C-alpha atoms as a PDB file:
ATOM      1  CA  MET A   1       0.000   0.000   0.000  1.00  0.00           C
ATOM      2  CA  PRO A   2       1.550   3.337  -0.968  1.00  0.00           C
ATOM      3  CA  VAL A   3       2.270   5.747   1.852  1.00  0.00           C
ATOM      4  CA  GLY A   4      -0.610   8.160   2.435  1.00  0.00           C
ATOM      5  CA  LYS A   5      -3.171   6.130   0.478  1.00  0.00           C
ATOM      6  CA  LYS A   6      -6.415   5.335   2.296  1.00  0.00           C
ATOM      7  CA  TYR A   7      -4.850   5.634   5.756  1.00  0.00           C
ATOM      8  CA  ALA A   8      -2.393   8.439   6.568  1.00  0.00           C
ATOM      9  CA  VAL A   9       0.760   7.454   8.458  1.00  0.00           C
ATOM     10  CA  LYS A  10       0.411   8.484  12.110  1.00  0.00           C
ATOM     11  CA  VAL A  11       2.969   8.495  14.922  1.00  0.00           C
ATOM     12  CA  MET A  12       2.162   7.011  18.319  1.00  0.00           C
ATOM     13  CA  GLY A  13       4.408   8.085  21.178  1.00  0.00           C
ATOM     14  CA  ILE A  14       5.164   5.626  23.979  1.00  0.00           C
ATOM     15  CA  ILE A  15       4.985   6.496  27.663  1.00  0.00           C
ATOM     16  CA  ASN A  16       5.767   3.593  29.979  1.00  0.00           C
ATOM     17  CA  THR A  17       4.904   3.978  33.649  1.00  0.00           C
ATOM     18  CA  SER A  18       6.486   0.586  34.328  1.00  0.00           C
ATOM     19  CA  PRO A  19      10.046   0.799  35.733  1.00  0.00           C
ATOM     20  CA  GLU A  20      10.626  -2.755  34.464  1.00  0.00           C
ATOM     21  CA  SER A  21      10.231  -1.752  30.795  1.00  0.00           C
ATOM     22  CA  PHE A  22      13.168  -2.662  28.555  1.00  0.00           C
ATOM     23  CA  TYR A  23      13.937   0.883  27.371  1.00  0.00           C
ATOM     24  CA  LYS A  24      14.497   3.031  30.432  1.00  0.00           C
ATOM     25  CA  GLY A  25      14.345   6.206  28.351  1.00  0.00           C
ATOM     26  CA  SER A  26      10.599   5.643  27.905  1.00  0.00           C
ATOM     27  CA  VAL A  27       9.881   5.168  31.624  1.00  0.00           C
ATOM     28  CA  LYS A  28       8.057   8.048  33.296  1.00  0.00           C
ATOM     29  CA  THR A  29       6.713   7.505  36.802  1.00  0.00           C
ATOM     30  CA  ASP A  30       6.371  11.005  38.210  1.00  0.00           C
ATOM     31  CA  LYS A  31       3.233  12.965  37.249  1.00  0.00           C
ATOM     32  CA  GLN A  32       5.209  16.089  36.353  1.00  0.00           C
ATOM     33  CA  GLU A  33       7.529  14.017  34.173  1.00  0.00           C
ATOM     34  CA  ILE A  34       4.566  12.310  32.468  1.00  0.00           C
ATOM     35  CA  ALA A  35       2.907  15.668  31.818  1.00  0.00           C
ATOM     36  CA  ALA A  36       6.079  17.206  30.408  1.00  0.00           C
ATOM     37  CA  THR A  37       6.653  14.180  28.155  1.00  0.00           C
ATOM     38  CA  ALA A  38       3.100  14.251  26.794  1.00  0.00           C
ATOM     39  CA  LYS A  39       3.293  17.983  26.078  1.00  0.00           C
ATOM     40  CA  GLN A  40       6.612  17.508  24.302  1.00  0.00           C
ATOM     41  CA  MET A  41       5.237  14.632  22.223  1.00  0.00           C
ATOM     42  CA  GLN A  42       2.341  16.805  21.111  1.00  0.00           C
ATOM     43  CA  GLU A  43       4.719  19.645  20.221  1.00  0.00           C
ATOM     44  CA  ASP A  44       6.913  17.194  18.314  1.00  0.00           C
ATOM     45  CA  GLY A  45       3.984  16.102  16.149  1.00  0.00           C
ATOM     46  CA  ALA A  46       2.664  12.895  17.738  1.00  0.00           C
ATOM     47  CA  HIS A  47      -0.859  11.908  16.735  1.00  0.00           C
ATOM     48  CA  ILE A  48      -1.525   9.415  19.560  1.00  0.00           C
ATOM     49  CA  ILE A  49      -0.002   8.637  22.972  1.00  0.00           C
ATOM     50  CA  ASP A  50       0.245   5.015  24.123  1.00  0.00           C
ATOM     51  CA  ILE A  51       0.451   4.472  27.895  1.00  0.00           C
ATOM     52  CA  GLY A  52       1.581   1.206  29.442  1.00  0.00           C
ATOM     53  CA  GLY A  53       1.757   0.128  33.073  1.00  0.00           C
ATOM     54  CA  MET A  54       3.339  -3.314  32.767  1.00  0.00           C
ATOM     55  CA  SER A  55       6.146  -4.640  30.632  1.00  0.00           C
ATOM     56  CA  THR A  56       5.076  -7.462  28.308  1.00  0.00           C
ATOM     57  CA  ALA A  57       8.498  -7.932  26.663  1.00  0.00           C
ATOM     58  CA  PRO A  58       8.970 -11.735  26.606  1.00  0.00           C
ATOM     59  CA  TYR A  59      12.658 -11.672  27.486  1.00  0.00           C
ATOM     60  CA  VAL A  60      12.563  -9.168  30.384  1.00  0.00           C
ATOM     61  CA  GLU A  61      12.936 -10.686  33.848  1.00  0.00           C
ATOM     62  CA  THR A  62      10.385  -8.849  35.984  1.00  0.00           C
ATOM     63  CA  VAL A  63       8.385  -9.277  39.156  1.00  0.00           C
ATOM     64  CA  PRO A  64       4.739  -9.777  38.139  1.00  0.00           C
ATOM     65  CA  VAL A  65       2.771  -6.556  38.354  1.00  0.00           C
ATOM     66  CA  SER A  66      -0.566  -6.875  40.166  1.00  0.00           C
ATOM     67  CA  ILE A  67      -3.716  -5.785  38.373  1.00  0.00           C
ATOM     68  CA  GLU A  68      -4.243  -3.158  41.068  1.00  0.00           C
ATOM     69  CA  GLU A  69      -0.788  -1.686  40.520  1.00  0.00           C
ATOM     70  CA  GLU A  70      -1.154  -1.708  36.734  1.00  0.00           C
ATOM     71  CA  ILE A  71      -4.510   0.069  37.073  1.00  0.00           C
ATOM     72  CA  ARG A  72      -2.993   2.698  39.354  1.00  0.00           C
ATOM     73  CA  ARG A  73      -0.082   3.348  37.023  1.00  0.00           C
ATOM     74  CA  VAL A  74      -2.167   3.521  33.857  1.00  0.00           C
ATOM     75  CA  THR A  75      -5.100   5.549  35.169  1.00  0.00           C
ATOM     76  CA  ASP A  76      -2.893   8.089  36.934  1.00  0.00           C
ATOM     77  CA  ALA A  77      -0.920   8.580  33.725  1.00  0.00           C
ATOM     78  CA  ILE A  78      -4.025   8.834  31.526  1.00  0.00           C
ATOM     79  CA  LYS A  79      -5.538  11.510  33.775  1.00  0.00           C
ATOM     80  CA  THR A  80      -2.266  13.404  33.807  1.00  0.00           C
ATOM     81  CA  VAL A  81      -1.848  13.283  30.035  1.00  0.00           C
ATOM     82  CA  ARG A  82      -5.486  14.199  29.485  1.00  0.00           C
ATOM     83  CA  SER A  83      -5.012  17.307  31.642  1.00  0.00           C
ATOM     84  CA  VAL A  84      -2.148  18.721  29.558  1.00  0.00           C
ATOM     85  CA  CYS A  85      -2.803  17.700  25.941  1.00  0.00           C
ATOM     86  CA  ASP A  86      -5.679  16.798  23.663  1.00  0.00           C
ATOM     87  CA  LEU A  87      -4.172  13.865  21.753  1.00  0.00           C
ATOM     88  CA  PRO A  88      -6.013  10.529  21.644  1.00  0.00           C
ATOM     89  CA  ILE A  89      -4.725   8.058  24.238  1.00  0.00           C
ATOM     90  CA  SER A  90      -4.382   4.295  23.983  1.00  0.00           C
ATOM     91  CA  ALA A  91      -3.832   2.055  26.989  1.00  0.00           C
ATOM     92  CA  ASP A  92      -1.355  -0.769  26.422  1.00  0.00           C
ATOM     93  CA  THR A  93      -2.635  -3.758  28.389  1.00  0.00           C
ATOM     94  CA  PRO A  94      -3.728  -7.382  27.797  1.00  0.00           C
ATOM     95  CA  ARG A  95      -5.873  -7.389  30.966  1.00  0.00           C
ATOM     96  CA  ALA A  96      -9.564  -6.543  30.782  1.00  0.00           C
ATOM     97  CA  ALA A  97      -9.848  -5.097  34.285  1.00  0.00           C
ATOM     98  CA  VAL A  98      -7.078  -2.645  33.486  1.00  0.00           C
ATOM     99  CA  ALA A  99      -8.665  -1.779  30.143  1.00  0.00           C
ATOM    100  CA  LYS A 100     -12.009  -1.062  31.838  1.00  0.00           C
ATOM    101  CA  GLU A 101     -10.464   1.383  34.300  1.00  0.00           C
ATOM    102  CA  ALA A 102      -8.290   2.947  31.602  1.00  0.00           C
ATOM    103  CA  ILE A 103     -11.367   3.660  29.494  1.00  0.00           C
ATOM    104  CA  ALA A 104     -13.127   5.162  32.517  1.00  0.00           C
ATOM    105  CA  ALA A 105     -10.079   7.395  33.058  1.00  0.00           C
ATOM    106  CA  GLY A 106     -10.238   8.661  29.472  1.00  0.00           C
ATOM    107  CA  ALA A 107      -8.511   6.188  27.148  1.00  0.00           C
ATOM    108  CA  ASP A 108      -9.749   6.283  23.551  1.00  0.00           C
ATOM    109  CA  ALA A 109      -8.274   2.903  22.542  1.00  0.00           C
ATOM    110  CA  ILE A 110      -6.886  -0.318  23.985  1.00  0.00           C
ATOM    111  CA  ASN A 111      -3.655  -1.826  22.696  1.00  0.00           C
ATOM    112  CA  ASP A 112      -3.702  -5.567  23.410  1.00  0.00           C
ATOM    113  CA  VAL A 113      -0.558  -7.454  22.375  1.00  0.00           C
ATOM    114  CA  THR A 114      -2.489 -10.731  22.680  1.00  0.00           C
ATOM    115  CA  GLY A 115      -5.205  -9.763  20.208  1.00  0.00           C
ATOM    116  CA  LEU A 116      -8.140 -10.373  22.601  1.00  0.00           C
ATOM    117  CA  LYS A 117      -6.924 -13.928  23.314  1.00  0.00           C
ATOM    118  CA  TYR A 118      -5.402 -13.651  26.796  1.00  0.00           C
ATOM    119  CA  ASP A 119      -8.386 -12.257  28.668  1.00  0.00           C
ATOM    120  CA  SER A 120     -11.807 -13.437  27.490  1.00  0.00           C
ATOM    121  CA  GLU A 121     -13.508 -10.315  28.882  1.00  0.00           C
ATOM    122  CA  MET A 122     -11.411  -7.845  26.892  1.00  0.00           C
ATOM    123  CA  ALA A 123     -13.481  -7.858  23.696  1.00  0.00           C
ATOM    124  CA  GLY A 124     -16.743  -7.229  25.520  1.00  0.00           C
ATOM    125  CA  ILE A 125     -15.330  -4.330  27.516  1.00  0.00           C
ATOM    126  CA  ALA A 126     -13.907  -2.651  24.416  1.00  0.00           C
ATOM    127  CA  ALA A 127     -17.109  -3.191  22.438  1.00  0.00           C
ATOM    128  CA  LYS A 128     -19.365  -1.836  25.192  1.00  0.00           C
ATOM    129  CA  ALA A 129     -17.220   1.288  25.548  1.00  0.00           C
ATOM    130  CA  GLY A 130     -17.023   1.795  21.780  1.00  0.00           C
ATOM    131  CA  VAL A 131     -13.260   2.341  21.833  1.00  0.00           C
ATOM    132  CA  ALA A 132     -10.793   1.441  19.105  1.00  0.00           C
ATOM    133  CA  MET A 133      -8.842  -1.799  19.525  1.00  0.00           C
ATOM    134  CA  ILE A 134      -5.264  -2.498  18.477  1.00  0.00           C
ATOM    135  CA  ILE A 135      -4.898  -6.265  18.223  1.00  0.00           C
ATOM    136  CA  GLY A 136      -1.518  -7.941  18.231  1.00  0.00           C
ATOM    137  CA  ALA A 137      -0.671 -11.180  16.454  1.00  0.00           C
ATOM    138  CA  TYR A 138      -0.721 -13.839  19.161  1.00  0.00           C
ATOM    139  CA  SER A 139      -1.362 -17.526  19.595  1.00  0.00           C
ATOM    140  CA  LYS A 140      -1.657 -19.538  22.798  1.00  0.00           C
ATOM    141  CA  ALA A 141      -0.462 -22.584  20.848  1.00  0.00           C
ATOM    142  CA  SER A 142       2.928 -22.831  19.169  1.00  0.00           C
ATOM    143  CA  ALA A 143       3.085 -21.158  15.775  1.00  0.00           C
ATOM    144  CA  MET A 144       5.495 -20.662  12.911  1.00  0.00           C
ATOM    145  CA  GLY A 145       7.245 -17.364  12.411  1.00  0.00           C
ATOM    146  CA  ARG A 146       6.177 -17.069   8.786  1.00  0.00           C
ATOM    147  CA  ILE A 147       3.838 -14.346   7.565  1.00  0.00           C
ATOM    148  CA  VAL A 148       1.161 -16.991   7.029  1.00  0.00           C
ATOM    149  CA  SER A 149       1.008 -17.702  10.785  1.00  0.00           C
ATOM    150  CA  THR A 150       0.876 -13.994  11.552  1.00  0.00           C
ATOM    151  CA  LEU A 151      -1.998 -13.563   9.119  1.00  0.00           C
ATOM    152  CA  ASP A 152      -3.817 -16.523  10.646  1.00  0.00           C
ATOM    153  CA  ALA A 153      -3.404 -15.172  14.192  1.00  0.00           C
ATOM    154  CA  LEU A 154      -4.645 -11.740  13.159  1.00  0.00           C
ATOM    155  CA  LYS A 155      -7.636 -13.169  11.270  1.00  0.00           C
ATOM    156  CA  LYS A 156      -8.744 -15.008  14.403  1.00  0.00           C
ATOM    157  CA  SER A 157      -8.467 -11.822  16.449  1.00  0.00           C
ATOM    158  CA  ILE A 158     -10.385  -9.856  13.825  1.00  0.00           C
ATOM    159  CA  ARG A 159     -13.167 -12.458  14.046  1.00  0.00           C
ATOM    160  CA  LEU A 160     -13.221 -12.132  17.851  1.00  0.00           C
ATOM    161  CA  ALA A 161     -13.451  -8.352  17.538  1.00  0.00           C
ATOM    162  CA  GLY A 162     -16.231  -8.586  14.969  1.00  0.00           C
ATOM    163  CA  ALA A 163     -18.231 -11.070  17.007  1.00  0.00           C
ATOM    164  CA  ALA A 164     -18.034  -8.774  20.034  1.00  0.00           C
ATOM    165  CA  GLY A 165     -19.139  -5.756  18.031  1.00  0.00           C
ATOM    166  CA  ILE A 166     -15.861  -3.816  18.033  1.00  0.00           C
ATOM    167  CA  LYS A 167     -16.117  -1.432  15.095  1.00  0.00           C
ATOM    168  CA  ASP A 168     -12.642   0.142  14.941  1.00  0.00           C
ATOM    169  CA  THR A 169      -9.887  -2.480  14.708  1.00  0.00           C
ATOM    170  CA  ILE A 170      -6.184  -1.953  13.999  1.00  0.00           C
ATOM    171  CA  ILE A 171      -3.744  -4.827  13.489  1.00  0.00           C
ATOM    172  CA  ASP A 172      -0.179  -5.228  14.768  1.00  0.00           C
ATOM    173  CA  PRO A 173       2.120  -8.096  13.645  1.00  0.00           C
ATOM    174  CA  SER A 174       3.818  -8.112  17.066  1.00  0.00           C
ATOM    175  CA  ILE A 175       7.494  -7.586  16.287  1.00  0.00           C
ATOM    176  CA  GLY A 176       9.490  -9.074  19.156  1.00  0.00           C
ATOM    177  CA  PHE A 177       6.671 -11.235  20.526  1.00  0.00           C
ATOM    178  CA  PHE A 178       7.335 -14.487  18.644  1.00  0.00           C
ATOM    179  CA  ARG A 179      10.041 -16.317  20.649  1.00  0.00           C
ATOM    180  CA  HIS A 180      11.413 -19.742  21.426  1.00  0.00           C
ATOM    181  CA  GLU A 181      10.825 -19.031  25.118  1.00  0.00           C
ATOM    182  CA  GLY A 182       9.692 -16.202  27.342  1.00  0.00           C
ATOM    183  CA  LYS A 183       9.199 -15.063  30.908  1.00  0.00           C
ATOM    184  CA  ASN A 184       5.477 -14.202  30.714  1.00  0.00           C
ATOM    185  CA  PRO A 185       2.337 -15.517  28.960  1.00  0.00           C
ATOM    186  CA  PHE A 186       2.098 -12.639  26.466  1.00  0.00           C
ATOM    187  CA  PHE A 187       4.263 -14.052  23.678  1.00  0.00           C
ATOM    188  CA  THR A 188       3.776 -16.690  20.970  1.00  0.00           C
ATOM    189  CA  LYS A 189       6.041 -19.726  21.175  1.00  0.00           C
ATOM    190  CA  MET A 190       7.849 -20.241  17.874  1.00  0.00           C
ATOM    191  CA  THR A 191      10.297 -23.007  16.928  1.00  0.00           C
ATOM    192  CA  ASP A 192      10.798 -22.876  13.150  1.00  0.00           C
ATOM    193  CA  MET A 193      13.304 -19.994  12.899  1.00  0.00           C
ATOM    194  CA  PRO A 194      15.352 -17.591  15.024  1.00  0.00           C
ATOM    195  CA  TRP A 195      13.193 -14.830  16.545  1.00  0.00           C
ATOM    196  CA  TYR A 196      15.243 -12.058  14.918  1.00  0.00           C
ATOM    197  CA  THR A 197      14.806 -13.668  11.490  1.00  0.00           C
ATOM    198  CA  ARG A 198      11.048 -13.688  12.006  1.00  0.00           C
ATOM    199  CA  ASP A 199      11.056  -9.977  12.901  1.00  0.00           C
ATOM    200  CA  ILE A 200      13.031  -9.052   9.779  1.00  0.00           C
ATOM    201  CA  GLU A 201      10.815 -11.226   7.548  1.00  0.00           C
ATOM    202  CA  ILE A 202       7.639  -9.655   8.946  1.00  0.00           C
ATOM    203  CA  LEU A 203       8.988  -6.164   8.378  1.00  0.00           C
ATOM    204  CA  TYR A 204       9.995  -7.068   4.821  1.00  0.00           C
ATOM    205  CA  ASN A 205       6.617  -8.675   4.088  1.00  0.00           C
ATOM    206  CA  LEU A 206       4.479  -6.140   5.940  1.00  0.00           C
ATOM    207  CA  HIS A 207       2.642  -5.207   2.750  1.00  0.00           C
ATOM    208  CA  LYS A 208       1.056  -8.674   2.752  1.00  0.00           C
ATOM    209  CA  LEU A 209      -0.978  -7.706   5.822  1.00  0.00           C
ATOM    210  CA  THR A 210      -2.908  -5.176   3.740  1.00  0.00           C
ATOM    211  CA  ILE A 211      -5.019  -8.108   2.508  1.00  0.00           C
ATOM    212  CA  LEU A 212      -6.790  -7.895   5.888  1.00  0.00           C
ATOM    213  CA  LYS A 213      -8.016  -4.391   4.991  1.00  0.00           C
ATOM    214  CA  LYS A 214      -7.263  -2.959   8.424  1.00  0.00           C
ATOM    215  CA  PRO A 215      -4.934  -0.128   9.439  1.00  0.00           C
ATOM    216  CA  ILE A 216      -1.533  -1.533  10.427  1.00  0.00           C
ATOM    217  CA  CYS A 217       0.326  -0.505  13.581  1.00  0.00           C
ATOM    218  CA  ILE A 218       4.011  -1.376  13.792  1.00  0.00           C
ATOM    219  CA  SER A 219       6.347  -1.145  16.769  1.00  0.00           C
ATOM    220  CA  VAL A 220      10.034  -1.687  16.049  1.00  0.00           C
ATOM    221  CA  SER A 221      11.476   1.136  18.139  1.00  0.00           C
ATOM    222  CA  ARG A 222      14.665   0.182  20.035  1.00  0.00           C
ATOM    223  CA  LYS A 223      13.709  -3.515  19.916  1.00  0.00           C
ATOM    224  CA  SER A 224      16.012  -6.422  20.593  1.00  0.00           C
ATOM    225  CA  PHE A 225      16.222  -7.744  17.021  1.00  0.00           C
ATOM    226  CA  LEU A 226      18.064  -4.525  16.136  1.00  0.00           C
ATOM    227  CA  GLY A 227      20.425  -5.071  19.020  1.00  0.00           C
ATOM    228  CA  HIS A 228      21.088  -8.647  17.957  1.00  0.00           C
ATOM    229  CA  LEU A 229      21.643  -7.854  14.285  1.00  0.00           C
ATOM    230  CA  LEU A 230      23.907  -4.859  14.892  1.00  0.00           C
ATOM    231  CA  ASN A 231      25.517  -5.907  18.174  1.00  0.00           C
ATOM    232  CA  LEU A 232      23.901  -3.012  20.036  1.00  0.00           C
ATOM    233  CA  ASN A 233      23.243  -4.340  23.522  1.00  0.00           C
ATOM    234  CA  ALA A 234      22.022  -1.032  24.938  1.00  0.00           C
ATOM    235  CA  ALA A 235      18.570   0.103  23.787  1.00  0.00           C
ATOM    236  CA  GLN A 236      19.702   3.731  23.866  1.00  0.00           C
ATOM    237  CA  ASP A 237      22.113   2.940  21.004  1.00  0.00           C
ATOM    238  CA  ARG A 238      19.363   1.776  18.617  1.00  0.00           C
ATOM    239  CA  LEU A 239      17.883   5.100  17.472  1.00  0.00           C
ATOM    240  CA  ILE A 240      19.194   5.155  13.888  1.00  0.00           C
ATOM    241  CA  PRO A 241      18.285   1.509  13.124  1.00  0.00           C
ATOM    242  CA  SER A 242      14.849   2.174  14.616  1.00  0.00           C
ATOM    243  CA  ILE A 243      14.231   5.124  12.293  1.00  0.00           C
ATOM    244  CA  VAL A 244      15.401   3.120   9.268  1.00  0.00           C
ATOM    245  CA  CYS A 245      13.042   0.242  10.107  1.00  0.00           C
ATOM    246  CA  GLU A 246      10.159   2.616  10.796  1.00  0.00           C
ATOM    247  CA  THR A 247      10.679   4.215   7.389  1.00  0.00           C
ATOM    248  CA  ILE A 248      10.719   0.802   5.724  1.00  0.00           C
ATOM    249  CA  ALA A 249       7.550  -0.096   7.624  1.00  0.00           C
ATOM    250  CA  ALA A 250       5.803   3.042   6.329  1.00  0.00           C
ATOM    251  CA  LEU A 251       6.897   2.211   2.785  1.00  0.00           C
ATOM    252  CA  ASN A 252       5.575  -1.331   3.228  1.00  0.00           C
ATOM    253  CA  GLY A 253       2.119  -0.327   4.422  1.00  0.00           C
ATOM    254  CA  ALA A 254       2.270   0.686   8.100  1.00  0.00           C
ATOM    255  CA  ASN A 255      -0.293   3.309   9.060  1.00  0.00           C
ATOM    256  CA  ILE A 256       0.684   3.845  12.689  1.00  0.00           C
ATOM    257  CA  ILE A 257       4.288   3.885  13.876  1.00  0.00           C
ATOM    258  CA  ARG A 258       4.505   3.227  17.613  1.00  0.00           C
ATOM    259  CA  THR A 259       7.763   4.723  18.812  1.00  0.00           C
ATOM    260  CA  HIS A 260       9.902   5.950  21.679  1.00  0.00           C
ATOM    261  CA  ASN A 261      11.387   8.589  19.356  1.00  0.00           C
ATOM    262  CA  VAL A 262       8.527  10.892  18.419  1.00  0.00           C
ATOM    263  CA  ARG A 263      10.487  13.876  17.125  1.00  0.00           C
ATOM    264  CA  GLU A 264      12.785  11.836  14.886  1.00  0.00           C
ATOM    265  CA  THR A 265      10.014   9.520  13.664  1.00  0.00           C
ATOM    266  CA  VAL A 266       7.711  12.421  12.791  1.00  0.00           C
ATOM    267  CA  GLN A 267      10.540  14.013  10.801  1.00  0.00           C
ATOM    268  CA  ALA A 268      11.231  10.752   8.940  1.00  0.00           C
ATOM    269  CA  VAL A 269       7.576  10.051   8.153  1.00  0.00           C
ATOM    270  CA  THR A 270       6.892  13.653   7.118  1.00  0.00           C
ATOM    271  CA  LEU A 271       9.825  13.715   4.738  1.00  0.00           C
ATOM    272  CA  LEU A 272       8.884  10.315   3.360  1.00  0.00           C
ATOM    273  CA  GLN A 273       5.348  11.435   2.612  1.00  0.00           C
ATOM    274  CA  LEU A 274       6.569  14.676   1.012  1.00  0.00           C
ATOM    275  CA  LEU A 275       8.928  12.761  -1.256  1.00  0.00           C
ATOM    276  CA  ARG A 276       6.215  10.303  -2.275  1.00  0.00           C
ATOM    277  CA  ALA A 277       3.345  12.779  -2.588  1.00  0.00           C
END
């Protein structure tokens, strides 16, 4: 899908209120810090702000976050962001109880990395509230890393969303969430190829997801496959590879770029769209 056709390319800025998140530069726990970050993201050209209260990265060793703590983190942040900027807000959570409270606090969308498959109550809560739903590619059973498995996982989630009555659905191929093993239940077990090969293949074949006729959200910012491929162990060293992959994603059909690097990503996407206008 050509850039700018049917769905404009939007930039989603990430605010993590979870100290356990893999990229410490995205972690904001103080209300003043959250407010300042949201205001800066809006000034830098973000279209959406995504707020998370629990790390779901499969490889991160963390103490499990209680539902009560995740709710506190997410709702406090949503209220703070809502008070200082007027951008739409998505809440990044696979847990229905958290989603319900996030919506009550002012979230416009729910970003579920498990595509409505972890918590059976998620679809109903989103449908009742009438919010948009970002559904990640996810399977409770083992799956292959190929694009065909990603398409199959997303189709099943789209059917779940449709059956529940969710009207606004966005798909995410879940870069980084297909692994041989993980430390939480929010990843898909994969055995047919190295995880970093799967991530590269999905990015390369992203255009094939347009067959699902849904806006595509992609999150590659600072992720571990970049670190593995380029021997960049520290997430703070992965800015340039992140921007390159985000640009490729936009060229290959992504409509929303979820990123830690709002200013740089907005510049890249803006220039890309100007050059391809």
